[in-house]
Protein backbone atom coordinates (compact mmCIF):
# COMPACT_ATOMS: atom_id res chain seq x y z
CA MET A 1 -0.07 0.06 -0.05
CA ASP A 2 1.61 3.11 -1.27
CA SER A 3 0.39 6.66 -0.75
CA GLY A 4 2.98 8.40 -3.04
CA SER A 5 6.64 7.61 -2.36
CA THR A 6 9.17 9.89 -3.43
CA ASP A 7 12.14 7.76 -2.81
CA ALA A 8 13.15 4.54 -4.54
CA THR A 9 10.30 2.44 -3.16
CA LEU A 10 8.31 2.06 -6.12
CA ASP A 11 11.26 1.30 -8.41
CA ILE A 12 12.28 -1.56 -5.87
CA LEU A 13 8.79 -3.16 -5.83
CA SER A 14 8.33 -2.99 -9.71
CA ASP A 15 11.82 -4.89 -10.00
CA LEU A 16 10.50 -7.48 -7.48
CA ILE A 17 7.35 -7.91 -9.15
CA ASP A 18 9.14 -8.35 -12.44
CA GLU A 19 11.27 -11.22 -10.69
CA GLY A 20 7.94 -12.94 -10.13
CA HIS A 21 7.37 -12.10 -6.32
CA PRO A 22 3.67 -12.27 -5.40
CA ILE A 23 3.31 -8.60 -4.61
CA ASN A 24 0.02 -6.67 -5.03
CA LEU A 25 1.11 -3.16 -5.18
CA MET A 26 -1.67 -0.61 -4.65
CA HIS A 27 -1.85 3.19 -4.41
CA LEU A 28 -4.19 5.43 -2.37
CA ASP A 29 -3.52 9.17 -1.91
CA TRP A 30 -2.74 9.68 1.62
CA SER A 31 -6.00 9.78 3.91
CA GLY A 32 -4.49 9.20 7.32
CA TYR A 33 -2.58 6.48 9.20
CA ALA A 34 -5.72 4.53 10.16
CA ALA A 35 -7.66 5.05 6.88
CA GLN A 36 -4.54 3.98 4.84
CA LYS A 37 -4.14 0.61 6.73
CA GLN A 38 -7.97 -0.06 6.81
CA PHE A 39 -7.99 0.21 3.16
CA ALA A 40 -5.19 -2.18 2.81
CA LEU A 41 -6.80 -4.63 5.30
CA GLU A 42 -9.94 -4.65 3.06
CA GLN A 43 -8.02 -5.73 0.20
CA CYS A 44 -6.74 -8.83 1.94
CA ARG A 45 -8.19 -12.11 0.67
CA LEU A 46 -6.51 -14.94 2.58
CA GLU A 47 -7.64 -16.10 6.19
CA TRP A 48 -5.00 -14.24 8.08
CA CYS A 49 -3.78 -10.66 7.70
CA PHE A 50 -0.35 -9.33 8.93
CA SER A 51 -0.11 -5.45 9.43
CA ILE A 52 3.43 -4.45 8.76
CA ASP A 53 5.12 -1.15 7.88
CA ALA A 54 7.76 -0.62 5.26
CA ASP A 55 10.22 0.03 7.84
CA GLU A 56 9.68 -3.27 9.66
CA ARG A 57 10.50 -6.98 9.14
CA PRO A 58 9.91 -10.06 11.24
CA ASP A 59 12.91 -11.78 12.75
CA ARG A 60 13.55 -15.52 12.32
CA ASP A 61 11.64 -16.33 15.48
CA LEU A 62 8.70 -14.44 14.49
CA ILE A 63 8.51 -15.99 11.05
CA ALA A 64 8.45 -19.40 12.80
CA SER A 65 5.88 -18.27 15.11
CA ILE A 66 3.49 -16.83 12.43
CA LYS A 67 3.57 -20.09 10.66
CA ARG A 68 2.72 -22.01 14.03
CA LEU A 69 0.04 -19.61 15.00
CA VAL A 70 -1.87 -19.51 11.75
CA ALA A 71 -2.01 -23.39 11.66
CA SER A 72 -2.99 -23.92 15.38
CA LYS A 73 -6.52 -24.77 16.64
CA ASP A 74 -6.38 -21.67 19.02
CA ASN A 75 -9.54 -19.73 18.80
CA ALA A 76 -7.96 -16.49 19.21
CA VAL A 77 -8.83 -14.04 16.39
CA GLY A 78 -5.62 -12.18 16.51
CA TRP A 79 -2.08 -12.09 17.95
CA ARG A 80 -0.15 -9.34 19.62
CA ILE A 81 3.47 -9.00 18.51
CA ALA A 82 6.33 -7.27 20.15
CA ARG A 83 8.66 -4.80 18.43
CA ARG A 84 12.27 -4.06 18.69
CA PRO A 85 13.80 -0.78 17.58
CA TYR A 86 17.12 -0.28 15.73
CA LEU A 87 19.35 2.10 17.89
CA LEU A 88 22.12 4.04 16.28
CA GLY A 89 25.33 2.90 18.01
CA HIS A 90 23.94 -0.42 19.12
CA GLY A 91 21.74 -2.15 16.51
CA TYR A 92 18.42 -3.75 17.27
CA SER A 93 17.72 -3.81 21.03
CA PRO A 94 17.95 -7.33 22.40
CA ALA A 95 15.03 -9.70 22.55
CA LYS A 96 14.78 -9.27 26.30
CA SER A 97 14.29 -5.57 25.78
CA LYS A 98 10.98 -5.41 23.70
CA GLU A 99 8.28 -2.61 23.31
CA ARG A 100 4.97 -3.45 24.52
CA LYS A 101 3.04 -5.99 22.14
CA ASN A 102 0.46 -4.63 19.67
CA LEU A 103 -2.12 -6.39 17.71
CA ARG A 104 -0.56 -7.07 14.17
CA LEU A 105 -1.76 -10.68 13.08
CA ILE A 106 -5.52 -10.78 12.69
CA ARG A 107 -7.93 -13.08 11.12
CA ARG A 108 -9.91 -11.59 8.28
CA GLY A 109 -13.10 -10.20 9.05
CA PHE A 110 -12.66 -10.18 12.85
CA GLY A 111 -10.90 -6.60 13.22
CA ALA A 112 -10.69 -3.10 11.81
CA PHE A 113 -8.55 -0.14 12.43
CA ASP A 114 -10.05 2.56 14.54
CA LEU A 115 -10.60 5.32 12.19
CA SER A 116 -11.06 8.04 15.04
CA LYS A 117 -7.26 7.76 15.87
CA THR A 118 -5.14 10.25 13.79
CA VAL A 119 -1.76 8.60 15.31
CA HIS A 120 -1.04 5.32 17.09
CA GLU A 121 -3.82 3.62 15.20
CA GLY A 122 -4.52 0.06 16.07
CA ILE A 123 -6.71 -2.77 15.12
CA VAL A 124 -9.93 -3.27 17.14
CA PRO A 125 -10.54 -6.93 17.45
CA LYS A 126 -14.03 -8.67 17.27
CA GLY A 127 -12.99 -11.75 19.64
CA ARG A 128 -10.22 -12.89 21.93
CA VAL A 129 -6.74 -11.82 21.30
CA ALA A 130 -3.63 -13.54 22.50
CA ASP A 131 0.08 -12.61 22.85
CA CYS A 132 2.86 -14.21 20.49
CA SER A 133 5.43 -15.59 22.78
CA ALA A 134 8.31 -15.73 20.55
CA GLY A 135 9.83 -13.51 17.89
CA SER A 136 9.44 -9.68 17.37
CA LEU A 137 9.23 -7.19 14.44
CA LEU A 138 12.42 -5.29 13.77
CA HIS A 139 11.83 -1.60 13.42
CA PHE A 140 14.57 -0.29 11.11
CA THR A 141 14.82 3.53 12.15
CA PRO A 142 18.46 4.60 11.46
CA HIS A 143 17.74 8.36 12.14
CA GLN A 144 19.70 10.80 14.06
CA ILE A 145 18.16 12.42 16.84
CA ASN A 146 16.91 15.74 15.16
CA ASP A 147 14.99 13.76 12.72
CA GLN A 148 13.58 11.40 15.41
CA ILE A 149 12.53 14.53 17.42
CA ALA A 150 10.94 15.87 14.40
CA LYS A 151 8.83 12.90 13.86
CA GLU A 152 7.86 12.83 17.62
CA MET A 153 6.71 16.36 17.35
CA THR A 154 4.33 15.52 14.61
CA TYR A 155 2.90 12.54 16.59
CA ALA A 156 2.63 14.62 19.79
CA ASP A 157 0.75 17.28 17.90
CA LEU A 158 -1.59 14.79 16.27
CA LYS A 159 -2.14 12.94 19.67
CA SER A 160 -2.69 16.24 21.58
CA ASP A 161 -5.38 17.24 18.95
CA MET A 162 -7.34 14.02 19.66
CA ILE A 163 -7.09 14.39 23.37
CA VAL A 164 -8.23 18.11 23.09
CA ALA A 165 -11.09 17.05 20.88
CA SER A 166 -12.20 14.43 23.17
CA GLY A 167 -12.75 16.67 26.06
CA GLU A 168 -10.79 14.29 28.24
CA GLY A 169 -9.83 15.69 31.67
CA ARG A 170 -5.93 16.05 31.92
CA THR A 171 -3.96 17.73 34.59
CA PRO A 172 -1.15 19.93 33.73
CA TRP A 173 0.82 18.16 36.27
CA ARG A 174 1.25 15.41 33.56
CA MET A 175 3.83 17.56 32.02
CA VAL A 176 5.90 17.09 35.08
CA PHE A 177 5.48 13.55 35.99
CA ASN A 178 4.49 11.53 32.80
CA PRO A 179 7.77 12.26 30.94
CA LEU A 180 9.75 10.88 33.93
CA LEU A 181 7.41 7.75 34.04
CA TYR A 182 7.77 7.12 30.46
CA PHE A 183 11.46 7.25 30.55
CA LEU A 184 11.63 4.60 33.50
CA ARG A 185 9.13 2.36 31.72
CA LEU A 186 11.36 2.28 28.54
CA TYR A 187 14.72 2.35 30.34
CA LEU A 188 14.28 -0.10 33.26
CA ARG A 189 10.92 -2.03 32.60
CA ASN A 190 11.47 -2.60 28.87
CA GLY A 191 15.19 -2.94 29.51
CA LEU A 192 16.70 -0.27 27.26
CA TRP A 193 19.35 0.01 29.97
CA ARG A 194 20.99 -3.05 28.18
CA CYS A 195 21.72 -0.99 25.03
CA GLY A 196 24.13 1.50 26.59
CA PHE A 197 23.84 5.18 25.71
CA ALA A 198 21.83 4.35 22.52
CA GLY A 199 19.28 2.84 24.90
CA PHE A 200 19.35 6.07 27.03
CA ILE A 201 18.76 8.32 23.98
CA GLN A 202 15.81 6.05 23.04
CA ALA A 203 14.28 6.42 26.44
CA THR A 204 15.02 9.94 26.61
CA LYS A 205 13.36 10.55 23.28
CA GLY A 206 10.22 8.72 24.42
CA SER A 207 10.03 11.07 27.45
CA ILE A 208 10.49 14.08 25.18
CA TYR A 209 7.58 12.81 23.06
CA SER A 210 5.45 12.44 26.42
CA PHE A 211 6.48 16.11 27.51
CA LEU A 212 5.41 17.62 24.04
CA THR A 213 2.15 15.86 24.19
CA GLU A 214 1.07 17.09 27.45
CA ALA A 215 2.51 20.73 26.61
CA ASN A 216 0.60 20.76 23.50
CA VAL A 217 -2.55 19.64 25.22
CA TYR A 218 -2.03 22.53 27.84
CA GLN A 219 -1.30 25.19 25.16
CA LYS A 220 -4.06 24.30 22.85
CA ARG A 221 -6.65 24.60 25.48
CA LYS A 222 -5.19 27.83 26.69
CA MET A 223 -5.35 29.08 23.15
CA LEU A 224 -9.07 28.13 22.95
CA THR A 225 -9.77 29.94 26.24
CA THR A 226 -7.70 33.07 24.93
CA GLN A 227 -9.74 33.15 21.68
CA THR A 228 -12.99 33.02 23.37
CA GLU A 229 -12.16 35.49 26.26
CA ASP A 230 -10.10 38.00 24.41
CA ARG A 231 -8.71 39.37 27.73
CA GLU A 232 -6.55 42.33 28.09
CA PRO A 233 -3.22 41.80 29.92
C-alpha cells in the first residue's frame, strides 16, 4: 500500500514484481494512518492478515511463530506481537528488551482499524486476542536525533489534537511526571538499559514525546480559552 513515495520504493517493488514475487502493489492518496491501513486490510483475501510497515520486518523467531499460529487450533482472532527498535550505536535492541505488544496478526473479518485515531492507530478486534510468545518485529529507524524529534513532534501534535477534541480531563501536572514515568518504563521495565547510551537516548526520546504531548494539550486548551475570552493583559 503506497500513498505516493518519493524515494526508490516503487522502483524496488516494480523490480521485485518483475522477478515474479507475489506482490500486489496498490496506491491510495494519503488519507491518514488509520484510513490508509484500513483500506489495505480490506484488500486482503486470505484467512490471516499481517499488518506491517515498510520499515519493519519479522525476525527469524517471529517467522516461525507466525507459521505456527496460523496453523494452530487456537480460537484467538488475533495475536499481539512485540517490536524491537534499531538504535544507532547499538543495532536492534536485544530480545529481552521489547516494546509493548500490539495487535498485528488478525483473522480476516475479525477486526478493523479505529478510524477515529489520527496517530497510534490500532486494530480493534472482534473476539479474543492473545500474545505471541516468541519473536518480534524489527523496526529499522537509523535516524539521528534531530530527525527523530521532528517525527515525535508530529506525533505529539496529532495525539494532542485527539485529546483536546475528546474533552478528556488532563491535569497540567502530567507535563511534570509523565515524561519521567515514560523514561523509566522504557529504560528500566522495557530493558533499554541493556543497550548502553543508545538505549538511554531512545528512552529519553520517549520522555520528550510524552512532554511534547502534554505541553501541546495544555497550550491548545489555553489558546481556545484566550480566543474566546479575548482578555487584556
